[in-house]
Amino acid sequence: MPLFESKPKLSIEQCCRQFYDSNIFHSKTIGGQDFWSIFLDTNQKLVAEVDQSFLSVDPMLFRNEMTALRMELFAFACSKNRKTDKYAIRQSFFARSYLEENGRLDIWGIMGEYNLPIAMSATMDATGKPTPGAIGRAQVTSVNLRRYEAVKALETIMKDYEDHQIGCVNLAVNFIGADIKRADSVVVKLLCSRLASRLGCDVNLKSEALFRLAAIILGFYKGAEEYLKSVDLQG
């Protein structure tokens, strides 16, 4: 018997499908209810415990936003798992294809709403505002250059891409320079603010409610990281 159990060898496409199927779209059922629904119901109630205004949030809206946010954070984790932009782009292509296959392209549009604050975080300070002065200008120049070079490297093949594929590339490249593990937690703060705003309760939520939403967001990223560590990605 081997001392260490070998990890399953998966392509990024197989890895994504397995994660999306088992955790979101075709998750296991408990008592006739799928696990993803149970998770969402439980967490919506946990937030409502500390701020009853959250009870007015439509459960379907909450489900759609959390589904998009979880998929975007999985994509973000994938982009950090390997130091290659092409790898992140393959993930982006598959995510859109998977949603189209499942009749949920509406989620793809919502994912873009969370991609933007992640992208913006690369040049922001702890308050969520652009880093001021020379340091800020240097950050913008550096991040823009890295993103430009990533797209430039694909220029020869992108001419054959359809418009939606070019959109996939842009979303993947936006992760360059962003880091959810920054000590100031700016990525989580920005995502939490965007989520609350899209749920229609932004500044009206109490700080403890925002803290609980932030914990869910960080949990999504850490869960994606752990999942990616459990497989041996190929290609």
C-alpha atoms as a PDB file:
ATOM      1  CA  MET A   1       0.000   0.000   0.000  1.00  0.00           C
ATOM      2  CA  PRO A   2       1.520   3.406  -0.969  1.00  0.00           C
ATOM      3  CA  LEU A   3       2.491   5.747   1.857  1.00  0.00           C
ATOM      4  CA  PHE A   4       0.794   8.667   0.133  1.00  0.00           C
ATOM      5  CA  GLU A   5      -2.421   8.578  -1.831  1.00  0.00           C
ATOM      6  CA  SER A   6      -1.826   9.955  -5.308  1.00  0.00           C
ATOM      7  CA  LYS A   7      -3.854  12.955  -6.420  1.00  0.00           C
ATOM      8  CA  PRO A   8      -6.241  12.543  -9.346  1.00  0.00           C
ATOM      9  CA  LYS A   9      -4.714  13.842 -12.577  1.00  0.00           C
ATOM     10  CA  LEU A  10      -7.095  16.299 -14.207  1.00  0.00           C
ATOM     11  CA  SER A  11      -7.011  18.872 -16.973  1.00  0.00           C
ATOM     12  CA  ILE A  12      -8.148  22.343 -15.985  1.00  0.00           C
ATOM     13  CA  GLU A  13     -11.410  21.693 -17.821  1.00  0.00           C
ATOM     14  CA  GLN A  14     -12.027  18.443 -15.915  1.00  0.00           C
ATOM     15  CA  CYS A  15     -11.061  20.161 -12.674  1.00  0.00           C
ATOM     16  CA  CYS A  16     -13.538  22.991 -13.241  1.00  0.00           C
ATOM     17  CA  ARG A  17     -16.371  20.679 -14.217  1.00  0.00           C
ATOM     18  CA  GLN A  18     -15.849  18.542 -11.137  1.00  0.00           C
ATOM     19  CA  PHE A  19     -15.807  21.588  -8.860  1.00  0.00           C
ATOM     20  CA  TYR A  20     -18.852  23.261 -10.424  1.00  0.00           C
ATOM     21  CA  ASP A  21     -20.855  20.025 -10.513  1.00  0.00           C
ATOM     22  CA  SER A  22     -20.101  18.845  -6.980  1.00  0.00           C
ATOM     23  CA  ASN A  23     -20.252  22.217  -5.213  1.00  0.00           C
ATOM     24  CA  ILE A  24     -22.809  24.325  -7.069  1.00  0.00           C
ATOM     25  CA  PHE A  25     -24.923  23.041  -9.927  1.00  0.00           C
ATOM     26  CA  HIS A  26     -25.294  19.343  -9.181  1.00  0.00           C
ATOM     27  CA  SER A  27     -24.338  19.109  -5.527  1.00  0.00           C
ATOM     28  CA  LYS A  28     -25.394  16.233  -3.293  1.00  0.00           C
ATOM     29  CA  THR A  29     -28.836  16.290  -1.746  1.00  0.00           C
ATOM     30  CA  ILE A  30     -29.694  16.041   1.930  1.00  0.00           C
ATOM     31  CA  GLY A  31     -33.318  15.396   2.801  1.00  0.00           C
ATOM     32  CA  GLY A  32     -34.402  16.267  -0.722  1.00  0.00           C
ATOM     33  CA  GLN A  33     -32.510  19.580  -0.818  1.00  0.00           C
ATOM     34  CA  ASP A  34     -29.179  20.049  -2.552  1.00  0.00           C
ATOM     35  CA  PHE A  35     -26.190  21.050  -0.424  1.00  0.00           C
ATOM     36  CA  TRP A  36     -25.614  24.362  -2.223  1.00  0.00           C
ATOM     37  CA  SER A  37     -29.177  25.456  -1.437  1.00  0.00           C
ATOM     38  CA  ILE A  38     -28.751  24.433   2.198  1.00  0.00           C
ATOM     39  CA  PHE A  39     -25.506  26.399   2.377  1.00  0.00           C
ATOM     40  CA  LEU A  40     -27.138  29.517   0.935  1.00  0.00           C
ATOM     41  CA  ASP A  41     -30.222  29.311   3.154  1.00  0.00           C
ATOM     42  CA  THR A  42     -28.056  28.862   6.239  1.00  0.00           C
ATOM     43  CA  ASN A  43     -25.769  31.773   5.463  1.00  0.00           C
ATOM     44  CA  GLN A  44     -28.576  34.132   4.520  1.00  0.00           C
ATOM     45  CA  LYS A  45     -30.125  33.413   7.923  1.00  0.00           C
ATOM     46  CA  LEU A  46     -26.767  33.933   9.670  1.00  0.00           C
ATOM     47  CA  VAL A  47     -26.440  37.399   8.162  1.00  0.00           C
ATOM     48  CA  ALA A  48     -30.083  38.196   8.957  1.00  0.00           C
ATOM     49  CA  GLU A  49     -29.451  37.269  12.605  1.00  0.00           C
ATOM     50  CA  VAL A  50     -27.332  40.384  13.041  1.00  0.00           C
ATOM     51  CA  ASP A  51     -29.242  42.633  10.625  1.00  0.00           C
ATOM     52  CA  GLN A  52     -32.904  41.919  10.004  1.00  0.00           C
ATOM     53  CA  SER A  53     -32.922  44.134   6.916  1.00  0.00           C
ATOM     54  CA  PHE A  54     -31.202  41.222   5.184  1.00  0.00           C
ATOM     55  CA  LEU A  55     -34.478  39.288   5.454  1.00  0.00           C
ATOM     56  CA  SER A  56     -35.804  41.441   2.602  1.00  0.00           C
ATOM     57  CA  VAL A  57     -33.118  40.163   0.204  1.00  0.00           C
ATOM     58  CA  ASP A  58     -34.742  37.965  -2.428  1.00  0.00           C
ATOM     59  CA  PRO A  59     -33.424  34.371  -1.997  1.00  0.00           C
ATOM     60  CA  MET A  60     -33.106  33.871  -5.767  1.00  0.00           C
ATOM     61  CA  LEU A  61     -31.129  37.087  -6.123  1.00  0.00           C
ATOM     62  CA  PHE A  62     -28.899  35.956  -3.256  1.00  0.00           C
ATOM     63  CA  ARG A  63     -28.413  32.566  -4.930  1.00  0.00           C
ATOM     64  CA  ASN A  64     -27.454  34.062  -8.289  1.00  0.00           C
ATOM     65  CA  GLU A  65     -25.032  36.581  -6.800  1.00  0.00           C
ATOM     66  CA  MET A  66     -23.376  33.983  -4.566  1.00  0.00           C
ATOM     67  CA  THR A  67     -23.121  31.503  -7.432  1.00  0.00           C
ATOM     68  CA  ALA A  68     -21.401  34.086  -9.625  1.00  0.00           C
ATOM     69  CA  LEU A  69     -19.160  35.219  -6.789  1.00  0.00           C
ATOM     70  CA  ARG A  70     -18.101  31.674  -5.941  1.00  0.00           C
ATOM     71  CA  MET A  71     -17.295  30.904  -9.572  1.00  0.00           C
ATOM     72  CA  GLU A  72     -15.321  34.142  -9.925  1.00  0.00           C
ATOM     73  CA  LEU A  73     -13.312  33.388  -6.800  1.00  0.00           C
ATOM     74  CA  PHE A  74     -12.622  29.885  -8.091  1.00  0.00           C
ATOM     75  CA  ALA A  75     -11.323  31.477 -11.301  1.00  0.00           C
ATOM     76  CA  PHE A  76      -9.199  33.860  -9.224  1.00  0.00           C
ATOM     77  CA  ALA A  77      -7.727  30.946  -7.259  1.00  0.00           C
ATOM     78  CA  CYS A  78      -7.014  29.096 -10.503  1.00  0.00           C
ATOM     79  CA  SER A  79      -5.114  32.102 -11.841  1.00  0.00           C
ATOM     80  CA  LYS A  80      -2.821  31.959  -8.796  1.00  0.00           C
ATOM     81  CA  ASN A  81      -2.384  28.182  -8.905  1.00  0.00           C
ATOM     82  CA  ARG A  82       0.004  28.322 -11.841  1.00  0.00           C
ATOM     83  CA  LYS A  83       2.160  31.137 -13.095  1.00  0.00           C
ATOM     84  CA  THR A  84       0.811  31.123 -16.632  1.00  0.00           C
ATOM     85  CA  ASP A  85      -1.824  33.381 -18.111  1.00  0.00           C
ATOM     86  CA  LYS A  86      -2.788  30.805 -20.734  1.00  0.00           C
ATOM     87  CA  TYR A  87      -3.828  28.467 -17.943  1.00  0.00           C
ATOM     88  CA  ALA A  88      -6.143  31.085 -16.438  1.00  0.00           C
ATOM     89  CA  ILE A  89      -7.561  31.809 -19.881  1.00  0.00           C
ATOM     90  CA  ARG A  90      -8.406  28.137 -20.465  1.00  0.00           C
ATOM     91  CA  GLN A  91     -10.299  28.204 -17.183  1.00  0.00           C
ATOM     92  CA  SER A  92     -12.171  31.318 -18.289  1.00  0.00           C
ATOM     93  CA  PHE A  93     -13.122  29.749 -21.616  1.00  0.00           C
ATOM     94  CA  PHE A  94     -14.424  26.642 -19.888  1.00  0.00           C
ATOM     95  CA  ALA A  95     -16.416  28.552 -17.257  1.00  0.00           C
ATOM     96  CA  ARG A  96     -18.384  30.384 -19.931  1.00  0.00           C
ATOM     97  CA  SER A  97     -18.873  27.206 -21.958  1.00  0.00           C
ATOM     98  CA  TYR A  98     -20.067  25.326 -18.873  1.00  0.00           C
ATOM     99  CA  LEU A  99     -22.608  28.011 -18.005  1.00  0.00           C
ATOM    100  CA  GLU A 100     -23.892  28.055 -21.576  1.00  0.00           C
ATOM    101  CA  GLU A 101     -24.184  24.256 -21.482  1.00  0.00           C
ATOM    102  CA  ASN A 102     -26.228  24.509 -18.274  1.00  0.00           C
ATOM    103  CA  GLY A 103     -28.425  27.326 -19.565  1.00  0.00           C
ATOM    104  CA  ARG A 104     -26.996  29.813 -17.063  1.00  0.00           C
ATOM    105  CA  LEU A 105     -25.154  32.430 -19.113  1.00  0.00           C
ATOM    106  CA  ASP A 106     -26.854  35.000 -16.891  1.00  0.00           C
ATOM    107  CA  ILE A 107     -24.318  33.991 -14.227  1.00  0.00           C
ATOM    108  CA  TRP A 108     -21.452  34.832 -16.597  1.00  0.00           C
ATOM    109  CA  GLY A 109     -22.600  38.424 -16.774  1.00  0.00           C
ATOM    110  CA  ILE A 110     -22.802  38.664 -13.000  1.00  0.00           C
ATOM    111  CA  MET A 111     -19.287  37.223 -12.651  1.00  0.00           C
ATOM    112  CA  GLY A 112     -17.991  40.226 -14.551  1.00  0.00           C
ATOM    113  CA  GLU A 113     -19.437  42.474 -11.836  1.00  0.00           C
ATOM    114  CA  TYR A 114     -17.064  40.837  -9.352  1.00  0.00           C
ATOM    115  CA  ASN A 115     -14.126  40.638 -11.736  1.00  0.00           C
ATOM    116  CA  LEU A 116     -13.976  44.439 -11.879  1.00  0.00           C
ATOM    117  CA  PRO A 117     -13.302  45.104  -8.166  1.00  0.00           C
ATOM    118  CA  ILE A 118     -10.684  42.344  -8.157  1.00  0.00           C
ATOM    119  CA  ALA A 119      -8.985  44.028 -11.109  1.00  0.00           C
ATOM    120  CA  MET A 120      -9.201  47.474  -9.496  1.00  0.00           C
ATOM    121  CA  SER A 121      -7.751  46.229  -6.203  1.00  0.00           C
ATOM    122  CA  ALA A 122      -4.302  45.866  -7.787  1.00  0.00           C
ATOM    123  CA  THR A 123      -3.833  49.644  -7.719  1.00  0.00           C
ATOM    124  CA  MET A 124      -5.773  50.519  -4.577  1.00  0.00           C
ATOM    125  CA  ASP A 125      -4.756  51.162  -0.992  1.00  0.00           C
ATOM    126  CA  ALA A 126      -6.280  49.683   2.168  1.00  0.00           C
ATOM    127  CA  THR A 127      -9.247  52.081   2.005  1.00  0.00           C
ATOM    128  CA  GLY A 128     -10.244  50.923  -1.462  1.00  0.00           C
ATOM    129  CA  LYS A 129      -9.111  54.141  -3.096  1.00  0.00           C
ATOM    130  CA  PRO A 130      -6.401  54.523  -5.768  1.00  0.00           C
ATOM    131  CA  THR A 131      -2.955  54.554  -4.172  1.00  0.00           C
ATOM    132  CA  PRO A 132      -1.886  58.242  -4.197  1.00  0.00           C
ATOM    133  CA  GLY A 133       1.273  59.896  -5.412  1.00  0.00           C
ATOM    134  CA  ALA A 134       4.263  58.459  -7.222  1.00  0.00           C
ATOM    135  CA  ILE A 135       3.754  55.014  -5.707  1.00  0.00           C
ATOM    136  CA  GLY A 136       0.225  54.906  -7.087  1.00  0.00           C
ATOM    137  CA  ARG A 137       1.322  56.004 -10.548  1.00  0.00           C
ATOM    138  CA  ALA A 138       4.062  53.371 -10.527  1.00  0.00           C
ATOM    139  CA  GLN A 139       1.536  50.690  -9.532  1.00  0.00           C
ATOM    140  CA  VAL A 140      -0.814  51.609 -12.352  1.00  0.00           C
ATOM    141  CA  THR A 141       2.020  51.593 -14.890  1.00  0.00           C
ATOM    142  CA  SER A 142       3.343  48.231 -13.697  1.00  0.00           C
ATOM    143  CA  VAL A 143      -0.028  46.473 -13.577  1.00  0.00           C
ATOM    144  CA  ASN A 144      -1.172  47.869 -16.928  1.00  0.00           C
ATOM    145  CA  LEU A 145       2.103  46.815 -18.533  1.00  0.00           C
ATOM    146  CA  ARG A 146       1.841  43.269 -17.192  1.00  0.00           C
ATOM    147  CA  ARG A 147      -1.739  42.948 -18.401  1.00  0.00           C
ATOM    148  CA  TYR A 148      -0.867  44.425 -21.780  1.00  0.00           C
ATOM    149  CA  GLU A 149       2.044  42.012 -22.205  1.00  0.00           C
ATOM    150  CA  ALA A 150      -0.204  39.073 -21.328  1.00  0.00           C
ATOM    151  CA  VAL A 151      -2.684  40.051 -24.053  1.00  0.00           C
ATOM    152  CA  LYS A 152       0.119  40.902 -26.492  1.00  0.00           C
ATOM    153  CA  ALA A 153       1.567  37.406 -26.096  1.00  0.00           C
ATOM    154  CA  LEU A 154      -1.735  36.017 -27.378  1.00  0.00           C
ATOM    155  CA  GLU A 155      -2.147  38.502 -30.195  1.00  0.00           C
ATOM    156  CA  THR A 156      -1.336  36.043 -32.982  1.00  0.00           C
ATOM    157  CA  ILE A 157      -4.110  33.649 -31.981  1.00  0.00           C
ATOM    158  CA  MET A 158      -6.636  36.172 -30.643  1.00  0.00           C
ATOM    159  CA  LYS A 159      -7.377  37.354 -34.190  1.00  0.00           C
ATOM    160  CA  ASP A 160      -9.201  34.058 -34.641  1.00  0.00           C
ATOM    161  CA  TYR A 161     -11.177  34.400 -31.401  1.00  0.00           C
ATOM    162  CA  GLU A 162     -14.843  35.290 -31.335  1.00  0.00           C
ATOM    163  CA  ASP A 163     -15.931  38.351 -29.345  1.00  0.00           C
ATOM    164  CA  HIS A 164     -17.006  36.332 -26.321  1.00  0.00           C
ATOM    165  CA  GLN A 165     -13.622  34.565 -26.264  1.00  0.00           C
ATOM    166  CA  ILE A 166     -11.795  37.880 -26.238  1.00  0.00           C
ATOM    167  CA  GLY A 167     -14.004  38.826 -23.293  1.00  0.00           C
ATOM    168  CA  CYS A 168     -12.862  35.646 -21.530  1.00  0.00           C
ATOM    169  CA  VAL A 169      -9.243  36.633 -22.087  1.00  0.00           C
ATOM    170  CA  ASN A 170      -9.796  40.108 -20.660  1.00  0.00           C
ATOM    171  CA  LEU A 171     -11.468  38.738 -17.531  1.00  0.00           C
ATOM    172  CA  ALA A 172      -8.604  36.307 -16.928  1.00  0.00           C
ATOM    173  CA  VAL A 173      -5.936  38.979 -17.484  1.00  0.00           C
ATOM    174  CA  ASN A 174      -7.668  41.237 -14.953  1.00  0.00           C
ATOM    175  CA  PHE A 175      -6.459  38.972 -12.157  1.00  0.00           C
ATOM    176  CA  ILE A 176      -2.851  40.003 -12.810  1.00  0.00           C
ATOM    177  CA  GLY A 177      -1.571  42.167  -9.956  1.00  0.00           C
ATOM    178  CA  ALA A 178      -4.488  41.373  -7.619  1.00  0.00           C
ATOM    179  CA  ASP A 179      -3.902  39.483  -4.373  1.00  0.00           C
ATOM    180  CA  ILE A 180      -6.678  38.421  -2.011  1.00  0.00           C
ATOM    181  CA  LYS A 181      -4.064  37.625   0.661  1.00  0.00           C
ATOM    182  CA  ARG A 182      -2.907  41.207   1.067  1.00  0.00           C
ATOM    183  CA  ALA A 183      -2.735  42.132   4.737  1.00  0.00           C
ATOM    184  CA  ASP A 184      -5.192  45.009   4.245  1.00  0.00           C
ATOM    185  CA  SER A 185      -7.872  42.632   2.846  1.00  0.00           C
ATOM    186  CA  VAL A 186      -8.774  45.197   0.195  1.00  0.00           C
ATOM    187  CA  VAL A 187      -9.974  42.553  -2.284  1.00  0.00           C
ATOM    188  CA  VAL A 188     -12.415  41.094   0.234  1.00  0.00           C
ATOM    189  CA  LYS A 189     -13.595  44.571   1.247  1.00  0.00           C
ATOM    190  CA  LEU A 190     -14.275  45.576  -2.359  1.00  0.00           C
ATOM    191  CA  LEU A 191     -16.077  42.318  -3.139  1.00  0.00           C
ATOM    192  CA  CYS A 192     -18.146  42.587   0.016  1.00  0.00           C
ATOM    193  CA  SER A 193     -19.149  46.135  -0.888  1.00  0.00           C
ATOM    194  CA  ARG A 194     -20.085  45.128  -4.423  1.00  0.00           C
ATOM    195  CA  LEU A 195     -22.098  42.146  -3.190  1.00  0.00           C
ATOM    196  CA  ALA A 196     -23.996  44.196  -0.617  1.00  0.00           C
ATOM    197  CA  SER A 197     -24.724  46.885  -3.189  1.00  0.00           C
ATOM    198  CA  ARG A 198     -26.020  44.381  -5.747  1.00  0.00           C
ATOM    199  CA  LEU A 199     -28.223  42.825  -3.070  1.00  0.00           C
ATOM    200  CA  GLY A 200     -29.703  46.272  -2.514  1.00  0.00           C
ATOM    201  CA  CYS A 201     -28.508  46.763   1.044  1.00  0.00           C
ATOM    202  CA  ASP A 202     -24.957  48.255   0.819  1.00  0.00           C
ATOM    203  CA  VAL A 203     -24.474  50.911   3.512  1.00  0.00           C
ATOM    204  CA  ASN A 204     -27.655  49.912   5.306  1.00  0.00           C
ATOM    205  CA  LEU A 205     -26.079  46.710   6.531  1.00  0.00           C
ATOM    206  CA  LYS A 206     -24.557  46.698  10.000  1.00  0.00           C
ATOM    207  CA  SER A 207     -20.821  46.098  10.343  1.00  0.00           C
ATOM    208  CA  GLU A 208     -21.327  42.593  11.784  1.00  0.00           C
ATOM    209  CA  ALA A 209     -23.473  41.652   8.779  1.00  0.00           C
ATOM    210  CA  LEU A 210     -20.756  42.917   6.428  1.00  0.00           C
ATOM    211  CA  PHE A 211     -18.190  40.948   8.427  1.00  0.00           C
ATOM    212  CA  ARG A 212     -20.203  37.761   7.941  1.00  0.00           C
ATOM    213  CA  LEU A 213     -20.511  38.364   4.210  1.00  0.00           C
ATOM    214  CA  ALA A 214     -16.759  38.950   4.071  1.00  0.00           C
ATOM    215  CA  ALA A 215     -16.173  35.641   5.871  1.00  0.00           C
ATOM    216  CA  ILE A 216     -18.246  33.826   3.243  1.00  0.00           C
ATOM    217  CA  ILE A 217     -16.261  35.481   0.444  1.00  0.00           C
ATOM    218  CA  LEU A 218     -12.908  34.555   1.949  1.00  0.00           C
ATOM    219  CA  GLY A 219     -14.221  31.050   2.585  1.00  0.00           C
ATOM    220  CA  PHE A 220     -15.053  30.667  -1.100  1.00  0.00           C
ATOM    221  CA  TYR A 221     -11.479  31.520  -2.053  1.00  0.00           C
ATOM    222  CA  LYS A 222      -9.890  29.282   0.557  1.00  0.00           C
ATOM    223  CA  GLY A 223     -12.201  26.428  -0.405  1.00  0.00           C
ATOM    224  CA  ALA A 224     -11.155  26.800  -4.033  1.00  0.00           C
ATOM    225  CA  GLU A 225      -7.504  26.790  -2.990  1.00  0.00           C
ATOM    226  CA  GLU A 226      -7.926  23.590  -0.992  1.00  0.00           C
ATOM    227  CA  TYR A 227      -9.726  21.914  -3.853  1.00  0.00           C
ATOM    228  CA  LEU A 228      -6.970  22.855  -6.298  1.00  0.00           C
ATOM    229  CA  LYS A 229      -4.357  21.443  -3.926  1.00  0.00           C
ATOM    230  CA  SER A 230      -6.216  18.123  -3.891  1.00  0.00           C
ATOM    231  CA  VAL A 231      -5.772  17.505  -7.627  1.00  0.00           C
ATOM    232  CA  ASP A 232      -2.793  17.168  -9.940  1.00  0.00           C
ATOM    233  CA  LEU A 233      -3.482  19.607 -12.752  1.00  0.00           C
ATOM    234  CA  GLN A 234      -2.195  18.529 -16.132  1.00  0.00           C
ATOM    235  CA  GLY A 235      -1.378  20.540 -19.221  1.00  0.00           C
END
